Amino acid sequence: SILNNVSTLKTTILQIRDVPEEDTVGYSRKGHLARPSRIAAI
């Protein structure tokens, strides 16, 4: 359990794109989409 949280890892959204359902995301086409999606790169 968390007592008093000390470390927080944060980043920011670089880019957002709309990706159709039939496309994949990332290396080796592992990111299969079940619907048209908004995908953010961080």
PDB file of all heavy atoms in Angstrom:
ATOM      1  N   SER A   1       0.848  -1.188   0.000  1.00  0.00           N
ATOM      2  CA  SER A   1       0.000   0.000   0.000  1.00  0.00           C
ATOM      3  C   SER A   1       0.887   1.243   0.000  1.00  0.00           C
ATOM      4  O   SER A   1       2.067   1.188   0.343  1.00  0.00           O
ATOM      5  CB  SER A   1      -0.914   0.003   1.228  1.00  0.00           C
ATOM      6  OG  SER A   1      -0.143   0.026   2.419  1.00  0.00           O
ATOM      7  N   ILE A   2       0.309   2.355  -0.417  1.00  0.00           N
ATOM      8  CA  ILE A   2       1.071   3.605  -0.511  1.00  0.00           C
ATOM      9  C   ILE A   2       0.912   4.391   0.791  1.00  0.00           C
ATOM     10  O   ILE A   2      -0.214   4.635   1.244  1.00  0.00           O
ATOM     11  CB  ILE A   2       0.595   4.447  -1.710  1.00  0.00           C
ATOM     12  CG1 ILE A   2       0.686   3.627  -3.015  1.00  0.00           C
ATOM     13  CG2 ILE A   2       1.423   5.730  -1.824  1.00  0.00           C
ATOM     14  CD1 ILE A   2       2.085   3.139  -3.340  1.00  0.00           C
ATOM     15  N   LEU A   3       2.021   4.764   1.382  1.00  0.00           N
ATOM     16  CA  LEU A   3       1.996   5.601   2.582  1.00  0.00           C
ATOM     17  C   LEU A   3       1.814   7.048   2.136  1.00  0.00           C
ATOM     18  O   LEU A   3       0.701   7.541   2.018  1.00  0.00           O
ATOM     19  CB  LEU A   3       3.294   5.410   3.366  1.00  0.00           C
ATOM     20  CG  LEU A   3       3.580   3.969   3.819  1.00  0.00           C
ATOM     21  CD1 LEU A   3       4.960   3.858   4.433  1.00  0.00           C
ATOM     22  CD2 LEU A   3       2.525   3.484   4.799  1.00  0.00           C
ATOM     23  N   ASN A   4       2.906   7.733   1.876  1.00  0.00           N
ATOM     24  CA  ASN A   4       2.861   9.061   1.255  1.00  0.00           C
ATOM     25  C   ASN A   4       3.668   8.950  -0.041  1.00  0.00           C
ATOM     26  O   ASN A   4       4.876   8.712   0.009  1.00  0.00           O
ATOM     27  CB  ASN A   4       3.477  10.113   2.178  1.00  0.00           C
ATOM     28  CG  ASN A   4       2.704  10.262   3.470  1.00  0.00           C
ATOM     29  OD1 ASN A   4       1.669  10.901   3.531  1.00  0.00           O
ATOM     30  ND2 ASN A   4       3.214   9.655   4.536  1.00  0.00           N
ATOM     31  N   ASN A   5       2.996   9.100  -1.174  1.00  0.00           N
ATOM     32  CA  ASN A   5       3.676   8.874  -2.452  1.00  0.00           C
ATOM     33  C   ASN A   5       4.792   9.882  -2.666  1.00  0.00           C
ATOM     34  O   ASN A   5       4.593  11.088  -2.529  1.00  0.00           O
ATOM     35  CB  ASN A   5       2.676   8.977  -3.614  1.00  0.00           C
ATOM     36  CG  ASN A   5       3.363   8.746  -4.949  1.00  0.00           C
ATOM     37  OD1 ASN A   5       3.926   7.683  -5.189  1.00  0.00           O
ATOM     38  ND2 ASN A   5       3.353   9.755  -5.794  1.00  0.00           N
ATOM     39  N   VAL A   6       5.966   9.390  -3.013  1.00  0.00           N
ATOM     40  CA  VAL A   6       7.139  10.238  -3.202  1.00  0.00           C
ATOM     41  C   VAL A   6       7.403  10.515  -4.676  1.00  0.00           C
ATOM     42  O   VAL A   6       7.665  11.657  -5.067  1.00  0.00           O
ATOM     43  CB  VAL A   6       8.384   9.588  -2.553  1.00  0.00           C
ATOM     44  CG1 VAL A   6       9.657  10.363  -2.894  1.00  0.00           C
ATOM     45  CG2 VAL A   6       8.206   9.505  -1.036  1.00  0.00           C
ATOM     46  N   SER A   7       7.322   9.491  -5.522  1.00  0.00           N
ATOM     47  CA  SER A   7       7.741   9.630  -6.924  1.00  0.00           C
ATOM     48  C   SER A   7       6.553   9.529  -7.874  1.00  0.00           C
ATOM     49  O   SER A   7       5.747   8.595  -7.789  1.00  0.00           O
ATOM     50  CB  SER A   7       8.762   8.551  -7.275  1.00  0.00           C
ATOM     51  OG  SER A   7       9.933   8.694  -6.503  1.00  0.00           O
ATOM     52  N   THR A   8       6.469  10.493  -8.783  1.00  0.00           N
ATOM     53  CA  THR A   8       5.434  10.494  -9.820  1.00  0.00           C
ATOM     54  C   THR A   8       6.106  10.632 -11.178  1.00  0.00           C
ATOM     55  O   THR A   8       6.800  11.626 -11.425  1.00  0.00           O
ATOM     56  CB  THR A   8       4.440  11.650  -9.607  1.00  0.00           C
ATOM     57  OG1 THR A   8       3.766  11.474  -8.354  1.00  0.00           O
ATOM     58  CG2 THR A   8       3.409  11.692 -10.732  1.00  0.00           C
ATOM     59  N   LEU A   9       5.921   9.642 -12.031  1.00  0.00           N
ATOM     60  CA  LEU A   9       6.502   9.652 -13.371  1.00  0.00           C
ATOM     61  C   LEU A   9       5.464  10.215 -14.342  1.00  0.00           C
ATOM     62  O   LEU A   9       4.361   9.668 -14.461  1.00  0.00           O
ATOM     63  CB  LEU A   9       6.916   8.239 -13.775  1.00  0.00           C
ATOM     64  CG  LEU A   9       7.622   8.082 -15.122  1.00  0.00           C
ATOM     65  CD1 LEU A   9       8.903   8.906 -15.183  1.00  0.00           C
ATOM     66  CD2 LEU A   9       7.919   6.608 -15.396  1.00  0.00           C
ATOM     67  N   LYS A  10       5.830  11.317 -14.999  1.00  0.00           N
ATOM     68  CA  LYS A  10       4.891  12.023 -15.873  1.00  0.00           C
ATOM     69  C   LYS A  10       5.524  12.288 -17.232  1.00  0.00           C
ATOM     70  O   LYS A  10       6.739  12.387 -17.356  1.00  0.00           O
ATOM     71  CB  LYS A  10       4.506  13.371 -15.253  1.00  0.00           C
ATOM     72  CG  LYS A  10       3.800  13.273 -13.928  1.00  0.00           C
ATOM     73  CD  LYS A  10       3.716  14.613 -13.233  1.00  0.00           C
ATOM     74  CE  LYS A  10       2.845  15.597 -13.982  1.00  0.00           C
ATOM     75  NZ  LYS A  10       2.688  16.866 -13.223  1.00  0.00           N
ATOM     76  N   THR A  11       4.673  12.415 -18.227  1.00  0.00           N
ATOM     77  CA  THR A  11       5.142  12.825 -19.545  1.00  0.00           C
ATOM     78  C   THR A  11       4.041  13.656 -20.199  1.00  0.00           C
ATOM     79  O   THR A  11       3.078  14.055 -19.534  1.00  0.00           O
ATOM     80  CB  THR A  11       5.545  11.599 -20.387  1.00  0.00           C
ATOM     81  OG1 THR A  11       6.175  12.029 -21.582  1.00  0.00           O
ATOM     82  CG2 THR A  11       4.360  10.712 -20.707  1.00  0.00           C
ATOM     83  N   THR A  12       4.166  13.940 -21.492  1.00  0.00           N
ATOM     84  CA  THR A  12       3.171  14.767 -22.181  1.00  0.00           C
ATOM     85  C   THR A  12       2.808  14.135 -23.517  1.00  0.00           C
ATOM     86  O   THR A  12       3.564  13.337 -24.084  1.00  0.00           O
ATOM     87  CB  THR A  12       3.711  16.185 -22.441  1.00  0.00           C
ATOM     88  OG1 THR A  12       4.937  16.073 -23.187  1.00  0.00           O
ATOM     89  CG2 THR A  12       3.987  16.920 -21.149  1.00  0.00           C
ATOM     90  N   ILE A  13       1.660  14.494 -24.014  1.00  0.00           N
ATOM     91  CA  ILE A  13       1.224  14.003 -25.327  1.00  0.00           C
ATOM     92  C   ILE A  13       1.937  14.797 -26.422  1.00  0.00           C
ATOM     93  O   ILE A  13       1.863  16.022 -26.478  1.00  0.00           O
ATOM     94  CB  ILE A  13      -0.299  14.135 -25.486  1.00  0.00           C
ATOM     95  CG1 ILE A  13      -1.020  13.210 -24.500  1.00  0.00           C
ATOM     96  CG2 ILE A  13      -0.720  13.818 -26.928  1.00  0.00           C
ATOM     97  CD1 ILE A  13      -2.536  13.320 -24.539  1.00  0.00           C
ATOM     98  N   LEU A  14       2.649  14.071 -27.280  1.00  0.00           N
ATOM     99  CA  LEU A  14       3.340  14.714 -28.402  1.00  0.00           C
ATOM    100  C   LEU A  14       2.432  14.940 -29.593  1.00  0.00           C
ATOM    101  O   LEU A  14       2.470  15.987 -30.238  1.00  0.00           O
ATOM    102  CB  LEU A  14       4.525  13.848 -28.843  1.00  0.00           C
ATOM    103  CG  LEU A  14       5.711  13.708 -27.888  1.00  0.00           C
ATOM    104  CD1 LEU A  14       6.754  12.793 -28.496  1.00  0.00           C
ATOM    105  CD2 LEU A  14       6.312  15.073 -27.576  1.00  0.00           C
ATOM    106  N   GLN A  15       1.650  13.925 -29.902  1.00  0.00           N
ATOM    107  CA  GLN A  15       0.823  13.990 -31.120  1.00  0.00           C
ATOM    108  C   GLN A  15      -0.383  13.078 -30.950  1.00  0.00           C
ATOM    109  O   GLN A  15      -0.304  12.044 -30.288  1.00  0.00           O
ATOM    110  CB  GLN A  15       1.648  13.535 -32.335  1.00  0.00           C
ATOM    111  CG  GLN A  15       0.929  13.705 -33.668  1.00  0.00           C
ATOM    112  CD  GLN A  15       1.803  13.270 -34.846  1.00  0.00           C
ATOM    113  OE1 GLN A  15       2.480  12.249 -34.774  1.00  0.00           O
ATOM    114  NE2 GLN A  15       1.787  14.047 -35.920  1.00  0.00           N
ATOM    115  N   ILE A  16      -1.501  13.485 -31.547  1.00  0.00           N
ATOM    116  CA  ILE A  16      -2.707  12.659 -31.561  1.00  0.00           C
ATOM    117  C   ILE A  16      -3.127  12.487 -33.022  1.00  0.00           C
ATOM    118  O   ILE A  16      -3.158  13.456 -33.799  1.00  0.00           O
ATOM    119  CB  ILE A  16      -3.858  13.294 -30.758  1.00  0.00           C
ATOM    120  CG1 ILE A  16      -3.454  13.481 -29.295  1.00  0.00           C
ATOM    121  CG2 ILE A  16      -5.122  12.441 -30.859  1.00  0.00           C
ATOM    122  CD1 ILE A  16      -4.491  14.200 -28.453  1.00  0.00           C
ATOM    123  N   ARG A  17      -3.429  11.244 -33.384  1.00  0.00           N
ATOM    124  CA  ARG A  17      -3.900  10.989 -34.754  1.00  0.00           C
ATOM    125  C   ARG A  17      -5.076  10.019 -34.732  1.00  0.00           C
ATOM    126  O   ARG A  17      -5.203   9.194 -33.817  1.00  0.00           O
ATOM    127  CB  ARG A  17      -2.781  10.448 -35.630  1.00  0.00           C
ATOM    128  CG  ARG A  17      -2.281   9.069 -35.261  1.00  0.00           C
ATOM    129  CD  ARG A  17      -1.339   8.527 -36.323  1.00  0.00           C
ATOM    130  NE  ARG A  17      -0.071   9.223 -36.321  1.00  0.00           N
ATOM    131  CZ  ARG A  17       0.360   9.978 -37.342  1.00  0.00           C
ATOM    132  NH1 ARG A  17      -0.387  10.146 -38.409  1.00  0.00           N
ATOM    133  NH2 ARG A  17       1.542  10.560 -37.277  1.00  0.00           N
ATOM    134  N   ASP A  18      -5.926  10.154 -35.737  1.00  0.00           N
ATOM    135  CA  ASP A  18      -7.046   9.222 -35.909  1.00  0.00           C
ATOM    136  C   ASP A  18      -6.575   8.054 -36.761  1.00  0.00           C
ATOM    137  O   ASP A  18      -5.989   8.239 -37.832  1.00  0.00           O
ATOM    138  CB  ASP A  18      -8.221   9.927 -36.588  1.00  0.00           C
ATOM    139  CG  ASP A  18      -8.826  11.015 -35.701  1.00  0.00           C
ATOM    140  OD1 ASP A  18      -9.071  10.727 -34.519  1.00  0.00           O
ATOM    141  OD2 ASP A  18      -9.027  12.148 -36.185  1.00  0.00           O
ATOM    142  N   VAL A  19      -6.815   6.848 -36.263  1.00  0.00           N
ATOM    143  CA  VAL A  19      -6.366   5.638 -36.950  1.00  0.00           C
ATOM    144  C   VAL A  19      -7.590   4.761 -37.230  1.00  0.00           C
ATOM    145  O   VAL A  19      -8.345   4.437 -36.304  1.00  0.00           O
ATOM    146  CB  VAL A  19      -5.349   4.859 -36.088  1.00  0.00           C
ATOM    147  CG1 VAL A  19      -4.873   3.613 -36.844  1.00  0.00           C
ATOM    148  CG2 VAL A  19      -4.163   5.752 -35.725  1.00  0.00           C
ATOM    149  N   PRO A  20      -7.817   4.368 -38.488  1.00  0.00           N
ATOM    150  CA  PRO A  20      -8.987   3.535 -38.808  1.00  0.00           C
ATOM    151  C   PRO A  20      -8.876   2.135 -38.220  1.00  0.00           C
ATOM    152  O   PRO A  20      -7.776   1.649 -37.928  1.00  0.00           O
ATOM    153  CB  PRO A  20      -8.976   3.498 -40.338  1.00  0.00           C
ATOM    154  CG  PRO A  20      -7.583   3.840 -40.737  1.00  0.00           C
ATOM    155  CD  PRO A  20      -7.059   4.754 -39.685  1.00  0.00           C
ATOM    156  N   GLU A  21     -10.011   1.490 -38.077  1.00  0.00           N
ATOM    157  CA  GLU A  21     -10.079   0.183 -37.424  1.00  0.00           C
ATOM    158  C   GLU A  21      -9.216  -0.869 -38.108  1.00  0.00           C
ATOM    159  O   GLU A  21      -8.626  -1.729 -37.444  1.00  0.00           O
ATOM    160  CB  GLU A  21     -11.538  -0.288 -37.392  1.00  0.00           C
ATOM    161  CG  GLU A  21     -11.741  -1.632 -36.739  1.00  0.00           C
ATOM    162  CD  GLU A  21     -13.195  -2.059 -36.745  1.00  0.00           C
ATOM    163  OE1 GLU A  21     -14.052  -1.251 -37.160  1.00  0.00           O
ATOM    164  OE2 GLU A  21     -13.473  -3.194 -36.332  1.00  0.00           O
ATOM    165  N   GLU A  22      -9.097  -0.799 -39.419  1.00  0.00           N
ATOM    166  CA  GLU A  22      -8.371  -1.844 -40.141  1.00  0.00           C
ATOM    167  C   GLU A  22      -6.855  -1.698 -40.048  1.00  0.00           C
ATOM    168  O   GLU A  22      -6.113  -2.608 -40.438  1.00  0.00           O
ATOM    169  CB  GLU A  22      -8.786  -1.863 -41.618  1.00  0.00           C
ATOM    170  CG  GLU A  22      -8.500  -0.586 -42.384  1.00  0.00           C
ATOM    171  CD  GLU A  22      -9.644   0.424 -42.329  1.00  0.00           C
ATOM    172  OE1 GLU A  22     -10.535   0.260 -41.452  1.00  0.00           O
ATOM    173  OE2 GLU A  22      -9.657   1.347 -43.159  1.00  0.00           O
ATOM    174  N   ASP A  23      -6.372  -0.586 -39.506  1.00  0.00           N
ATOM    175  CA  ASP A  23      -4.931  -0.371 -39.396  1.00  0.00           C
ATOM    176  C   ASP A  23      -4.390  -0.940 -38.072  1.00  0.00           C
ATOM    177  O   ASP A  23      -5.140  -1.300 -37.171  1.00  0.00           O
ATOM    178  CB  ASP A  23      -4.599   1.115 -39.467  1.00  0.00           C
ATOM    179  CG  ASP A  23      -4.603   1.635 -40.905  1.00  0.00           C
ATOM    180  OD1 ASP A  23      -4.990   0.867 -41.800  1.00  0.00           O
ATOM    181  OD2 ASP A  23      -4.215   2.792 -41.102  1.00  0.00           O
ATOM    182  N   THR A  24      -3.053  -0.995 -37.978  1.00  0.00           N
ATOM    183  CA  THR A  24      -2.399  -1.428 -36.740  1.00  0.00           C
ATOM    184  C   THR A  24      -1.488  -0.312 -36.240  1.00  0.00           C
ATOM    185  O   THR A  24      -1.171   0.618 -36.974  1.00  0.00           O
ATOM    186  CB  THR A  24      -1.574  -2.708 -36.951  1.00  0.00           C
ATOM    187  OG1 THR A  24      -0.610  -2.465 -37.985  1.00  0.00           O
ATOM    188  CG2 THR A  24      -2.467  -3.873 -37.346  1.00  0.00           C
ATOM    189  N   VAL A  25      -1.049  -0.445 -35.002  1.00  0.00           N
ATOM    190  CA  VAL A  25      -0.218   0.576 -34.368  1.00  0.00           C
ATOM    191  C   VAL A  25       1.088  -0.060 -33.888  1.00  0.00           C
ATOM    192  O   VAL A  25       1.074  -1.098 -33.225  1.00  0.00           O
ATOM    193  CB  VAL A  25      -0.948   1.209 -33.162  1.00  0.00           C
ATOM    194  CG1 VAL A  25      -0.036   2.193 -32.430  1.00  0.00           C
ATOM    195  CG2 VAL A  25      -2.229   1.904 -33.618  1.00  0.00           C
ATOM    196  N   GLY A  26       2.216   0.567 -34.233  1.00  0.00           N
ATOM    197  CA  GLY A  26       3.499   0.184 -33.664  1.00  0.00           C
ATOM    198  C   GLY A  26       4.233  -0.931 -34.385  1.00  0.00           C
ATOM    199  O   GLY A  26       3.763  -1.473 -35.396  1.00  0.00           O
ATOM    200  N   TYR A  27       5.426  -1.245 -33.844  1.00  0.00           N
ATOM    201  CA  TYR A  27       6.294  -2.277 -34.411  1.00  0.00           C
ATOM    202  C   TYR A  27       5.604  -3.642 -34.491  1.00  0.00           C
ATOM    203  O   TYR A  27       4.808  -4.008 -33.627  1.00  0.00           O
ATOM    204  CB  TYR A  27       7.559  -2.431 -33.570  1.00  0.00           C
ATOM    205  CG  TYR A  27       8.608  -1.382 -33.819  1.00  0.00           C
ATOM    206  CD1 TYR A  27       9.068  -0.594 -32.761  1.00  0.00           C
ATOM    207  CD2 TYR A  27       9.144  -1.181 -35.087  1.00  0.00           C
ATOM    208  CE1 TYR A  27      10.049   0.369 -32.970  1.00  0.00           C
ATOM    209  CE2 TYR A  27      10.119  -0.226 -35.301  1.00  0.00           C
ATOM    210  CZ  TYR A  27      10.576   0.547 -34.251  1.00  0.00           C
ATOM    211  OH  TYR A  27      11.543   1.497 -34.461  1.00  0.00           O
ATOM    212  N   SER A  28       5.941  -4.370 -35.538  1.00  0.00           N
ATOM    213  CA  SER A  28       5.462  -5.741 -35.766  1.00  0.00           C
ATOM    214  C   SER A  28       3.945  -5.811 -35.864  1.00  0.00           C
ATOM    215  O   SER A  28       3.358  -6.891 -35.726  1.00  0.00           O
ATOM    216  CB  SER A  28       5.966  -6.681 -34.657  1.00  0.00           C
ATOM    217  OG  SER A  28       7.374  -6.656 -34.576  1.00  0.00           O
ATOM    218  N   ARG A  29       3.309  -4.663 -36.074  1.00  0.00           N
ATOM    219  CA  ARG A  29       1.859  -4.576 -36.240  1.00  0.00           C
ATOM    220  C   ARG A  29       1.109  -5.260 -35.095  1.00  0.00           C
ATOM    221  O   ARG A  29       0.080  -5.907 -35.279  1.00  0.00           O
ATOM    222  CB  ARG A  29       1.439  -5.182 -37.580  1.00  0.00           C
ATOM    223  CG  ARG A  29       2.132  -4.587 -38.796  1.00  0.00           C
ATOM    224  CD  ARG A  29       1.364  -4.834 -40.067  1.00  0.00           C
ATOM    225  NE  ARG A  29       0.116  -4.056 -40.085  1.00  0.00           N
ATOM    226  CZ  ARG A  29      -0.832  -4.235 -41.002  1.00  0.00           C
ATOM    227  NH1 ARG A  29      -0.690  -5.143 -41.953  1.00  0.00           N
ATOM    228  NH2 ARG A  29      -1.927  -3.502 -40.965  1.00  0.00           N
ATOM    229  N   LYS A  30       1.635  -5.077 -33.872  1.00  0.00           N
ATOM    230  CA  LYS A  30       1.027  -5.735 -32.711  1.00  0.00           C
ATOM    231  C   LYS A  30      -0.200  -4.994 -32.177  1.00  0.00           C
ATOM    232  O   LYS A  30      -0.999  -5.571 -31.443  1.00  0.00           O
ATOM    233  CB  LYS A  30       2.070  -5.862 -31.597  1.00  0.00           C
ATOM    234  CG  LYS A  30       3.153  -6.889 -31.868  1.00  0.00           C
ATOM    235  CD  LYS A  30       2.587  -8.295 -31.842  1.00  0.00           C
ATOM    236  CE  LYS A  30       3.663  -9.347 -32.028  1.00  0.00           C
ATOM    237  NZ  LYS A  30       4.561  -9.452 -30.879  1.00  0.00           N
ATOM    238  N   GLY A  31      -0.310  -3.704 -32.503  1.00  0.00           N
ATOM    239  CA  GLY A  31      -1.403  -2.919 -31.950  1.00  0.00           C
ATOM    240  C   GLY A  31      -2.659  -3.019 -32.803  1.00  0.00           C
ATOM    241  O   GLY A  31      -2.924  -2.173 -33.667  1.00  0.00           O
ATOM    242  N   HIS A  32      -3.469  -4.065 -32.572  1.00  0.00           N
ATOM    243  CA  HIS A  32      -4.696  -4.272 -33.351  1.00  0.00           C
ATOM    244  C   HIS A  32      -5.842  -3.467 -32.733  1.00  0.00           C
ATOM    245  O   HIS A  32      -6.066  -3.513 -31.521  1.00  0.00           O
ATOM    246  CB  HIS A  32      -5.054  -5.753 -33.390  1.00  0.00           C
ATOM    247  CG  HIS A  32      -4.024  -6.596 -34.072  1.00  0.00           C
ATOM    248  ND1 HIS A  32      -3.914  -6.667 -35.447  1.00  0.00           N
ATOM    249  CD2 HIS A  32      -3.030  -7.374 -33.566  1.00  0.00           C
ATOM    250  CE1 HIS A  32      -2.908  -7.465 -35.764  1.00  0.00           C
ATOM    251  NE2 HIS A  32      -2.345  -7.914 -34.643  1.00  0.00           N
ATOM    252  N   LEU A  33      -6.556  -2.736 -33.570  1.00  0.00           N
ATOM    253  CA  LEU A  33      -7.646  -1.878 -33.104  1.00  0.00           C
ATOM    254  C   LEU A  33      -8.984  -2.559 -33.302  1.00  0.00           C
ATOM    255  O   LEU A  33      -9.216  -3.208 -34.320  1.00  0.00           O
ATOM    256  CB  LEU A  33      -7.612  -0.549 -33.858  1.00  0.00           C
ATOM    257  CG  LEU A  33      -6.298   0.245 -33.758  1.00  0.00           C
ATOM    258  CD1 LEU A  33      -6.384   1.503 -34.610  1.00  0.00           C
ATOM    259  CD2 LEU A  33      -5.993   0.599 -32.309  1.00  0.00           C
ATOM    260  N   ALA A  34      -9.879  -2.385 -32.330  1.00  0.00           N
ATOM    261  CA  ALA A  34     -11.216  -2.979 -32.418  1.00  0.00           C
ATOM    262  C   ALA A  34     -12.230  -1.984 -32.934  1.00  0.00           C
ATOM    263  O   ALA A  34     -13.401  -2.322 -33.120  1.00  0.00           O
ATOM    264  CB  ALA A  34     -11.645  -3.491 -31.041  1.00  0.00           C
ATOM    265  N   ARG A  35     -11.767  -0.733 -33.169  1.00  0.00           N
ATOM    266  CA  ARG A  35     -12.676   0.326 -33.618  1.00  0.00           C
ATOM    267  C   ARG A  35     -11.821   1.464 -34.163  1.00  0.00           C
ATOM    268  O   ARG A  35     -10.607   1.521 -33.917  1.00  0.00           O
ATOM    269  CB  ARG A  35     -13.507   0.830 -32.445  1.00  0.00           C
ATOM    270  CG  ARG A  35     -12.629   1.342 -31.305  1.00  0.00           C
ATOM    271  CD  ARG A  35     -13.416   1.876 -30.144  1.00  0.00           C
ATOM    272  NE  ARG A  35     -12.503   2.328 -29.064  1.00  0.00           N
ATOM    273  CZ  ARG A  35     -12.890   2.982 -28.001  1.00  0.00           C
ATOM    274  NH1 ARG A  35     -14.180   3.282 -27.842  1.00  0.00           N
ATOM    275  NH2 ARG A  35     -12.009   3.348 -27.078  1.00  0.00           N
ATOM    276  N   PRO A  36     -12.416   2.400 -34.895  1.00  0.00           N
ATOM    277  CA  PRO A  36     -11.672   3.609 -35.269  1.00  0.00           C
ATOM    278  C   PRO A  36     -11.218   4.315 -33.986  1.00  0.00           C
ATOM    279  O   PRO A  36     -12.020   4.484 -33.058  1.00  0.00           O
ATOM    280  CB  PRO A  36     -12.698   4.448 -36.040  1.00  0.00           C
ATOM    281  CG  PRO A  36     -13.705   3.452 -36.521  1.00  0.00           C
ATOM    282  CD  PRO A  36     -13.775   2.398 -35.456  1.00  0.00           C
ATOM    283  N   SER A  37      -9.967   4.700 -33.907  1.00  0.00           N
ATOM    284  CA  SER A  37      -9.409   5.139 -32.623  1.00  0.00           C
ATOM    285  C   SER A  37      -8.605   6.423 -32.739  1.00  0.00           C
ATOM    286  O   SER A  37      -8.062   6.744 -33.808  1.00  0.00           O
ATOM    287  CB  SER A  37      -8.487   4.044 -32.053  1.00  0.00           C
ATOM    288  OG  SER A  37      -9.173   2.822 -31.901  1.00  0.00           O
ATOM    289  N   ARG A  38      -8.537   7.153 -31.611  1.00  0.00           N
ATOM    290  CA  ARG A  38      -7.607   8.276 -31.475  1.00  0.00           C
ATOM    291  C   ARG A  38      -6.403   7.754 -30.706  1.00  0.00           C
ATOM    292  O   ARG A  38      -6.517   7.306 -29.570  1.00  0.00           O
ATOM    293  CB  ARG A  38      -8.246   9.441 -30.715  1.00  0.00           C
ATOM    294  CG  ARG A  38      -9.359  10.140 -31.450  1.00  0.00           C
ATOM    295  CD  ARG A  38      -9.919  11.287 -30.615  1.00  0.00           C
ATOM    296  NE  ARG A  38      -9.019  12.439 -30.595  1.00  0.00           N
ATOM    297  CZ  ARG A  38      -8.741  13.151 -29.518  1.00  0.00           C
ATOM    298  NH1 ARG A  38      -9.216  12.804 -28.341  1.00  0.00           N
ATOM    299  NH2 ARG A  38      -7.942  14.197 -29.592  1.00  0.00           N
ATOM    300  N   ILE A  39      -5.255   7.822 -31.329  1.00  0.00           N
ATOM    301  CA  ILE A  39      -4.034   7.282 -30.748  1.00  0.00           C
ATOM    302  C   ILE A  39      -3.074   8.431 -30.459  1.00  0.00           C
ATOM    303  O   ILE A  39      -2.760   9.235 -31.338  1.00  0.00           O
ATOM    304  CB  ILE A  39      -3.369   6.262 -31.685  1.00  0.00           C
ATOM    305  CG1 ILE A  39      -4.337   5.113 -32.002  1.00  0.00           C
ATOM    306  CG2 ILE A  39      -2.080   5.731 -31.066  1.00  0.00           C
ATOM    307  CD1 ILE A  39      -4.784   4.311 -30.798  1.00  0.00           C
ATOM    308  N   ALA A  40      -2.613   8.499 -29.201  1.00  0.00           N
ATOM    309  CA  ALA A  40      -1.667   9.537 -28.800  1.00  0.00           C
ATOM    310  C   ALA A  40      -0.280   8.932 -28.638  1.00  0.00           C
ATOM    311  O   ALA A  40      -0.124   7.819 -28.132  1.00  0.00           O
ATOM    312  CB  ALA A  40      -2.113  10.179 -27.482  1.00  0.00           C
ATOM    313  N   ALA A  41       0.726   9.668 -29.094  1.00  0.00           N
ATOM    314  CA  ALA A  41       2.120   9.270 -28.904  1.00  0.00           C
ATOM    315  C   ALA A  41       2.691  10.072 -27.738  1.00  0.00           C
ATOM    316  O   ALA A  41       2.508  11.295 -27.666  1.00  0.00           O
ATOM    317  CB  ALA A  41       2.922   9.528 -30.163  1.00  0.00           C
ATOM    318  N   ILE A  42       3.372   9.377 -26.821  1.00  0.00           N
ATOM    319  CA  ILE A  42       3.975  10.042 -25.665  1.00  0.00           C
ATOM    320  C   ILE A  42       5.470   9.717 -25.606  1.00  0.00           C
ATOM    321  O   ILE A  42       5.872   8.602 -25.948  1.00  0.00           O
ATOM    322  CB  ILE A  42       3.271   9.660 -24.345  1.00  0.00           C
ATOM    323  CG1 ILE A  42       3.294   8.143 -24.120  1.00  0.00           C
ATOM    324  CG2 ILE A  42       1.836  10.175 -24.355  1.00  0.00           C
ATOM    325  CD1 ILE A  42       2.665   7.707 -22.791  1.00  0.00           C
TER     326      ILE A  42
END
